[in-house]
Structures are given as C-alpha cells and as structure tokens.
Protein backbone atom coordinates (compact mmCIF):
# COMPACT_ATOMS: atom_id res chain seq x y z
CA UNK A 1 -23.71 -0.59 82.26
CA UNK A 2 -26.52 -0.70 85.24
CA UNK A 3 -28.14 2.51 83.53
CA UNK A 4 -27.98 0.54 80.20
CA UNK A 5 -29.71 -2.59 81.24
CA UNK A 6 -32.46 -0.76 82.96
CA UNK A 7 -32.88 1.12 79.69
CA UNK A 8 -32.99 -2.27 77.87
CA UNK A 9 -35.54 -3.57 80.33
CA UNK A 10 -37.99 -0.02 79.74
CA UNK A 11 -37.45 -0.60 76.30
CA UNK A 12 -38.54 -4.38 76.69
CA UNK A 13 -41.73 -3.81 78.69
CA UNK A 14 -43.06 -0.88 76.37
CA UNK A 15 -43.22 -3.55 73.79
CA UNK A 16 -45.01 -5.73 75.89
CA UNK A 17 -47.00 -3.17 76.53
CA UNK A 18 -47.65 -2.50 72.89
CA UNK A 19 -48.07 -5.97 72.36
CA UNK A 20 -50.27 -6.80 74.87
CA UNK A 21 -54.25 -6.19 74.70
CA UNK A 22 -55.07 -2.37 76.02
CA UNK A 23 -56.99 -2.72 79.17
CA UNK A 24 -59.75 -0.47 78.53
CA UNK A 25 -61.90 0.08 80.94
CA UNK A 26 -65.47 -1.63 79.87
CA UNK A 27 -68.48 0.67 80.41
CA UNK A 28 -71.35 -0.66 82.80
CA UNK A 29 -74.30 -2.71 81.46
CA UNK A 30 -76.71 -0.19 81.39
CA UNK A 31 -74.22 1.51 79.25
CA UNK A 32 -73.62 -1.47 77.02
CA UNK A 33 -77.54 -1.75 76.99
CA UNK A 34 -77.88 1.61 76.06
CA UNK A 35 -75.66 1.79 73.25
CA UNK A 36 -76.77 -1.64 71.91
CA UNK A 37 -80.34 -1.84 72.40
CA UNK A 38 -81.72 1.76 72.18
CA UNK A 39 -80.78 2.58 68.36
CA UNK A 40 -82.48 -0.58 67.11
CA UNK A 41 -85.99 0.17 69.41
CA UNK A 42 -85.51 3.60 68.25
CA UNK A 43 -85.12 2.61 64.65
CA UNK A 44 -88.14 -0.09 65.25
CA UNK A 45 -90.13 2.63 66.16
CA UNK A 46 -89.53 4.78 63.41
CA UNK A 47 -90.70 1.84 61.11
CA UNK A 48 -93.72 1.73 62.96
CA UNK A 49 -94.29 5.21 62.99
CA UNK A 50 -94.42 5.38 59.00
CA UNK A 51 -96.15 1.80 58.74
CA UNK A 52 -99.14 3.83 60.80
CA UNK A 53 -98.52 6.74 58.64
CA UNK A 54 -98.72 5.29 55.26
CA UNK A 55 -102.06 3.35 56.45
CA UNK A 56 -103.49 6.64 57.68
CA UNK A 57 -103.18 7.65 54.21
CA UNK A 58 -105.09 5.05 53.06
CA UNK A 59 -102.64 4.89 49.62
CA UNK A 60 -103.36 1.46 49.55
CA UNK A 61 -106.12 -0.82 49.85
CA UNK A 62 -106.78 -2.16 53.73
CA UNK A 63 -105.73 -5.95 52.47
CA UNK A 64 -102.39 -4.69 50.74
CA UNK A 65 -101.40 -2.52 53.86
CA UNK A 66 -103.50 -3.26 56.96
CA UNK A 67 -103.07 -1.31 60.01
CA UNK A 68 -99.50 -2.20 62.78
CA UNK A 69 -102.40 -3.05 65.21
CA UNK A 70 -103.78 -6.13 62.97
CA UNK A 71 -100.93 -7.18 61.89
CA UNK A 72 -100.04 -7.40 66.14
CA UNK A 73 -103.64 -8.84 66.81
CA UNK A 74 -102.68 -11.64 64.11
CA UNK A 75 -99.42 -12.22 65.64
CA UNK A 76 -100.95 -12.45 69.61
CA UNK A 77 -103.52 -14.68 68.36
CA UNK A 78 -101.00 -17.18 67.02
CA UNK A 79 -98.70 -17.06 70.43
CA UNK A 80 -102.16 -17.46 72.88
CA UNK A 81 -103.30 -20.33 70.89
CA UNK A 82 -100.07 -21.65 70.95
CA UNK A 83 -99.81 -21.68 67.09
CA UNK A 84 -96.33 -19.14 66.75
CA UNK A 85 -95.13 -21.52 69.54
CA UNK A 86 -95.12 -24.66 67.37
CA UNK A 87 -94.02 -23.06 64.16
CA UNK A 88 -90.80 -21.83 65.74
CA UNK A 89 -89.82 -24.71 67.36
CA UNK A 90 -90.78 -26.74 64.14
CA UNK A 91 -88.11 -24.08 62.18
CA UNK A 92 -85.82 -23.15 64.51
CA UNK A 93 -84.87 -26.71 65.65
CA UNK A 94 -84.52 -27.56 62.08
CA UNK A 95 -82.24 -24.44 61.14
CA UNK A 96 -80.38 -25.33 64.36
CA UNK A 97 -79.71 -29.00 63.05
CA UNK A 98 -79.14 -28.12 59.90
CA UNK A 99 -76.67 -25.51 60.57
CA UNK A 100 -74.55 -27.63 63.46
CA UNK A 101 -74.19 -30.38 60.49
CA UNK A 102 -73.21 -28.57 58.06
CA UNK A 103 -70.17 -26.84 60.76
CA UNK A 104 -69.13 -30.48 61.11
CA UNK A 105 -69.35 -30.77 57.43
CA UNK A 106 -67.79 -27.51 56.54
CA UNK A 107 -64.94 -27.45 58.96
CA UNK A 108 -62.34 -30.13 58.09
CA UNK A 109 -63.66 -30.03 54.17
CA UNK A 110 -62.42 -25.96 54.37
CA UNK A 111 -59.10 -26.81 56.39
CA UNK A 112 -58.44 -29.69 53.16
CA UNK A 113 -59.28 -26.66 50.54
CA UNK A 114 -56.95 -24.20 52.37
CA UNK A 115 -53.92 -26.39 52.96
CA UNK A 116 -54.43 -28.91 50.22
CA UNK A 117 -53.47 -27.18 46.81
CA UNK A 118 -54.79 -30.27 44.77
CA UNK A 119 -58.11 -30.00 46.50
CA UNK A 120 -58.03 -26.62 45.92
CA UNK A 121 -57.33 -26.63 42.43
CA UNK A 122 -60.50 -28.90 41.93
CA UNK A 123 -63.32 -27.91 43.81
CA UNK A 124 -62.24 -24.48 45.30
CA UNK A 125 -63.95 -22.70 42.41
CA UNK A 126 -66.88 -24.98 42.69
CA UNK A 127 -67.18 -24.52 46.14
CA UNK A 128 -67.51 -20.93 45.40
CA UNK A 129 -69.67 -21.38 42.71
CA UNK A 130 -72.29 -23.27 44.83
CA UNK A 131 -71.77 -20.27 47.46
CA UNK A 132 -73.48 -18.26 45.08
CA UNK A 133 -76.17 -20.45 43.64
CA UNK A 134 -79.62 -19.47 45.03
CA UNK A 135 -80.36 -22.15 47.70
CA UNK A 136 -84.27 -22.20 46.27
CA UNK A 137 -82.76 -23.88 43.16
CA UNK A 138 -82.16 -26.95 45.07
CA UNK A 139 -85.61 -27.72 46.26
CA UNK A 140 -87.50 -28.83 43.40
CA UNK A 141 -84.52 -31.57 42.92
CA UNK A 142 -84.33 -32.48 46.56
CA UNK A 143 -88.53 -32.93 46.46
CA UNK A 144 -87.80 -35.19 43.80
CA UNK A 145 -85.03 -36.95 45.18
CA UNK A 146 -86.10 -37.54 48.70
CA UNK A 147 -90.28 -36.51 48.48
CA UNK A 148 -92.13 -33.83 50.57
CA UNK A 149 -89.61 -35.56 53.43
CA UNK A 150 -87.51 -33.40 56.40
CA UNK A 151 -84.54 -35.32 54.37
CA UNK A 152 -85.31 -32.69 51.74
CA UNK A 153 -85.41 -29.97 54.12
CA UNK A 154 -81.97 -30.85 55.59
CA UNK A 155 -80.53 -31.24 52.26
CA UNK A 156 -81.78 -27.68 51.02
CA UNK A 157 -80.28 -26.38 54.49
CA UNK A 158 -76.43 -27.84 54.21
CA UNK A 159 -76.37 -27.04 50.32
CA UNK A 160 -76.99 -23.84 51.50
CA UNK A 161 -74.51 -23.53 54.67
CA UNK A 162 -71.73 -26.04 54.33
CA UNK A 163 -70.17 -23.65 51.08
CA UNK A 164 -70.46 -20.45 53.29
CA UNK A 165 -68.99 -21.82 56.09
CA UNK A 166 -66.08 -23.79 54.43
CA UNK A 167 -65.12 -20.45 52.34
CA UNK A 168 -64.66 -18.29 55.51
CA UNK A 169 -62.55 -20.77 57.15
CA UNK A 170 -61.06 -21.04 54.06
CA UNK A 171 -60.23 -17.29 53.41
CA UNK A 172 -59.43 -17.36 57.48
CA UNK A 173 -56.60 -19.38 56.51
CA UNK A 174 -55.21 -17.46 53.95
CA UNK A 175 -54.78 -14.70 56.42
CA UNK A 176 -52.46 -16.45 58.65
CA UNK A 177 -48.85 -15.28 58.87
CA UNK A 178 -46.90 -18.08 57.49
CA UNK A 179 -44.65 -18.29 60.74
CA UNK A 180 -47.26 -19.54 62.67
CA UNK A 181 -47.73 -23.40 60.83
CA UNK A 182 -43.87 -22.88 60.53
CA UNK A 183 -43.41 -22.77 64.55
CA UNK A 184 -45.54 -25.71 65.22
CA UNK A 185 -44.09 -27.72 62.43
CA UNK A 186 -40.78 -26.82 64.54
CA UNK A 187 -42.19 -27.66 67.81
CA UNK A 188 -43.17 -31.02 66.49
CA UNK A 189 -47.20 -30.13 65.97
CA UNK A 190 -48.11 -32.82 63.89
CA UNK A 191 -51.40 -32.16 61.27
CA UNK A 192 -54.51 -32.53 63.63
CA UNK A 193 -52.73 -30.53 66.43
CA UNK A 194 -51.67 -28.15 64.32
CA UNK A 195 -54.88 -27.76 62.31
CA UNK A 196 -56.48 -27.77 66.37
CA UNK A 197 -54.37 -25.52 68.25
CA UNK A 198 -52.73 -22.82 64.83
CA UNK A 199 -54.71 -22.94 62.34
CA UNK A 200 -58.30 -22.87 63.42
CA UNK A 201 -57.26 -20.12 66.24
CA UNK A 202 -55.38 -18.40 64.01
CA UNK A 203 -58.08 -18.32 61.74
CA UNK A 204 -60.87 -17.55 63.78
CA UNK A 205 -61.92 -14.20 62.79
CA UNK A 206 -62.66 -15.47 59.16
CA UNK A 207 -63.98 -18.55 60.35
CA UNK A 208 -66.86 -16.95 62.12
CA UNK A 209 -67.31 -14.54 59.82
CA UNK A 210 -68.16 -18.04 58.15
CA UNK A 211 -70.19 -19.41 60.34
CA UNK A 212 -72.80 -16.00 60.33
CA UNK A 213 -72.86 -15.92 56.99
CA UNK A 214 -73.59 -20.19 56.94
CA UNK A 215 -76.23 -19.53 59.79
CA UNK A 216 -77.75 -16.95 57.37
CA UNK A 217 -77.93 -18.71 54.29
CA UNK A 218 -78.89 -21.90 56.60
CA UNK A 219 -82.18 -19.87 57.68
CA UNK A 220 -83.27 -18.41 53.95
CA UNK A 221 -82.62 -21.87 52.65
CA UNK A 222 -84.75 -23.58 55.53
CA UNK A 223 -87.72 -20.93 54.81
CA UNK A 224 -87.69 -21.36 50.92
CA UNK A 225 -87.72 -25.32 51.37
CA UNK A 226 -90.89 -25.30 53.86
CA UNK A 227 -92.46 -22.55 51.52
CA UNK A 228 -92.27 -25.14 48.76
CA UNK A 229 -92.49 -28.37 50.14
CA UNK A 230 -95.58 -28.77 52.19
CA UNK A 231 -96.77 -32.34 53.14
CA UNK A 232 -98.30 -33.28 56.30
CA UNK A 233 -95.49 -35.28 57.19
CA UNK A 234 -93.18 -32.07 57.25
CA UNK A 235 -95.54 -30.23 59.60
CA UNK A 236 -96.07 -25.89 60.10
CA UNK A 237 -92.97 -24.49 60.15
CA UNK A 238 -92.30 -20.36 59.56
CA UNK A 239 -92.48 -21.17 55.81
CA UNK A 240 -95.85 -23.29 55.92
CA UNK A 241 -97.19 -20.15 57.82
CA UNK A 242 -96.39 -17.98 55.49
CA UNK A 243 -97.18 -19.82 52.28
CA UNK A 244 -100.56 -20.44 54.51
CA UNK A 245 -101.37 -16.86 54.91
CA UNK A 246 -100.84 -16.23 51.12
CA UNK A 247 -102.92 -18.89 50.18
CA UNK A 248 -105.70 -17.37 52.10
CA UNK A 249 -105.10 -13.69 51.16
CA UNK A 250 -104.87 -12.96 54.36
CA UNK A 251 -101.85 -10.27 54.62
CA UNK A 252 -101.84 -9.89 58.45
CA UNK A 253 -100.72 -12.89 58.61
CA UNK A 254 -98.44 -12.68 56.41
CA UNK A 255 -96.67 -9.81 57.41
CA UNK A 256 -97.21 -11.76 60.88
CA UNK A 257 -94.75 -14.47 59.35
CA UNK A 258 -91.90 -12.22 57.76
CA UNK A 259 -92.39 -10.74 61.56
CA UNK A 260 -91.57 -13.99 63.31
CA UNK A 261 -88.76 -15.11 60.50
CA UNK A 262 -87.15 -11.89 61.14
CA UNK A 263 -87.33 -12.43 64.93
CA UNK A 264 -85.62 -15.29 64.83
CA UNK A 265 -82.97 -14.21 62.35
CA UNK A 266 -81.83 -11.38 64.68
CA UNK A 267 -82.47 -13.01 68.23
CA UNK A 268 -79.67 -15.34 66.67
CA UNK A 269 -77.67 -12.52 65.59
CA UNK A 270 -77.74 -10.72 69.10
CA UNK A 271 -77.79 -14.27 71.33
CA UNK A 272 -75.34 -16.01 69.70
CA UNK A 273 -72.71 -14.26 66.99
CA UNK A 274 -72.41 -10.91 68.44
CA UNK A 275 -71.50 -12.14 71.67
CA UNK A 276 -69.00 -14.64 70.04
CA UNK A 277 -67.89 -11.62 67.82
CA UNK A 278 -66.92 -9.37 70.65
CA UNK A 279 -65.02 -12.45 72.64
CA UNK A 280 -62.95 -13.10 69.60
CA UNK A 281 -62.13 -8.97 69.02
CA UNK A 282 -61.55 -8.67 72.76
CA UNK A 283 -59.04 -11.40 73.26
CA UNK A 284 -56.94 -9.75 69.87
CA UNK A 285 -56.84 -6.50 72.10
CA UNK A 286 -59.06 -4.82 69.28
CA UNK A 287 -61.87 -3.26 71.40
CA UNK A 288 -62.34 -0.16 69.31
CA UNK A 289 -64.52 -2.20 67.18
CA UNK A 290 -66.74 -2.96 69.74
C-alpha cells in the first residue's frame, strides 16, 4: 500500500507538471533586443537601399520619386519647426480617445451578442457587415450629420473600430469550454460576476486580437476622416498634413506623412499590443509562440 500511494503521488505530480506552464529560462534582455529589434531594422535598411537604388537609376522623375535624403529633410524640417509634434499629437490623441470609447461600447455589446441568442440573430450579421464596410464610406455621412467638426472624426473612428472589437470578443467567448461557465454558475456567480471573472479572462486571446484589429481600424478610419474632412476647427492632423502635401504636389511631404503614419502604427504595436500579447501567451504557457 505505501508503494501504491507513492506511485499515485508521482503520477499526480506528473500530471500537475503537464498542466502547469513550462518554466523555460527567459532570454536575456540583450538577446530579446537582438531577436525583436534587429530583424525590422535590417528590413528597413534593405528598403532604404532599394529606394536609393531606384532613385539613382532615375526610372521616374524627381517629383514622383525623391531621394531618401530629400524625404528625411522634410521630416527633419517638420520636427525642427514643431509641426511634426503638433500633427502627431492631434491625430494620436484623437485615435486614443476614439479607441477607448470604442472599447467601452464594444465590450458589453460583444458579451451581449455572444450570450444572448436573440441579440446575435438580430444584429450579429449586421455587425459583421459593418466590419467589412470601408470606414471612408462613413465620412460623407458624418460631414452631413455633424459638419466638419471633431464629432465627425470620432463618429468615423467608432464606426470603424466597434464592430472589430465586438466581433473579436464574440469569437473569444465562442471558444470558451462550456464547462467553465457551468462551474461559475455552480459556485453562485451571477451574470456580471461570470462575465468579469470567467468570460472575459477565458476569452482574452480572442478579445486581444479584436482590440488589435480595432486599433488598426481606428487608425485607418481616423486618417480617412482627416484627409476628407478639413476645416480650421479640426486643426491639422496627420491626414490633413498628407492632404496638404498632395495639394502642393510635394511628394517629399506626402512620403514624410506616410512615414509618420506608419511610425505611429508600428510604435503602438511594439509598445502596447506586443507586450500584452506576450503576457497573455506566457500566462497560458504558450511560450513557443513568443
């Protein structure tokens, strides 16, 4: 009997070890930097090299394809005059406010669609259709309804991001094992407690994917709205800066604006969503995907 108890204890310990996340040795900060930062830098350097080569071959006139140094001169001038900081602040704070508002709206909406069959049957397909609708289609309607005001900008951002966030949460909830909500009910968890302590944590991977996509749609929607809806009341954001470069036939200014727009997108991904994604994957023992 003692030997049997020992064997059972060993089997139990082995099963616990299988269930527990693997405690692999984490790489040093220097190795993580080399693994995450160096490949994008190499790709960027190759892109600059190809760009410089195409410019040197003079396949297109200067007003269509300027040299990288010319574009960098436009960026440096915008930074020196403070214009770059101004347009970045105008666009980024609009995008963040719009995205946070979308999260507040889309999270309960996604839970409602995921858990109430009548609501899913009524608006589930509509929400998917809204997600596939180009956000730029809302700009003319927003201008007619709200005028060339910040309300139009935020309206377009919400219409672009809410469906993506809500659908991501719905997909995450659909992948939750049915046993988890039943355990919560057996332990006496109400609807709010179940949503907070069971549904949202269990659906976090899908929810996070929806948040990433929602941010991307927010940023794209904002740029479309700023390019089309222009007025002194709105100020100059990145979209307006890009539009001004096109109106002036200044290709260096246009490419500089595109560079700044891309810089914000990459920065938010690396500084916000990538660490969140790694934390979620590490908490679930999925270290191989890091």
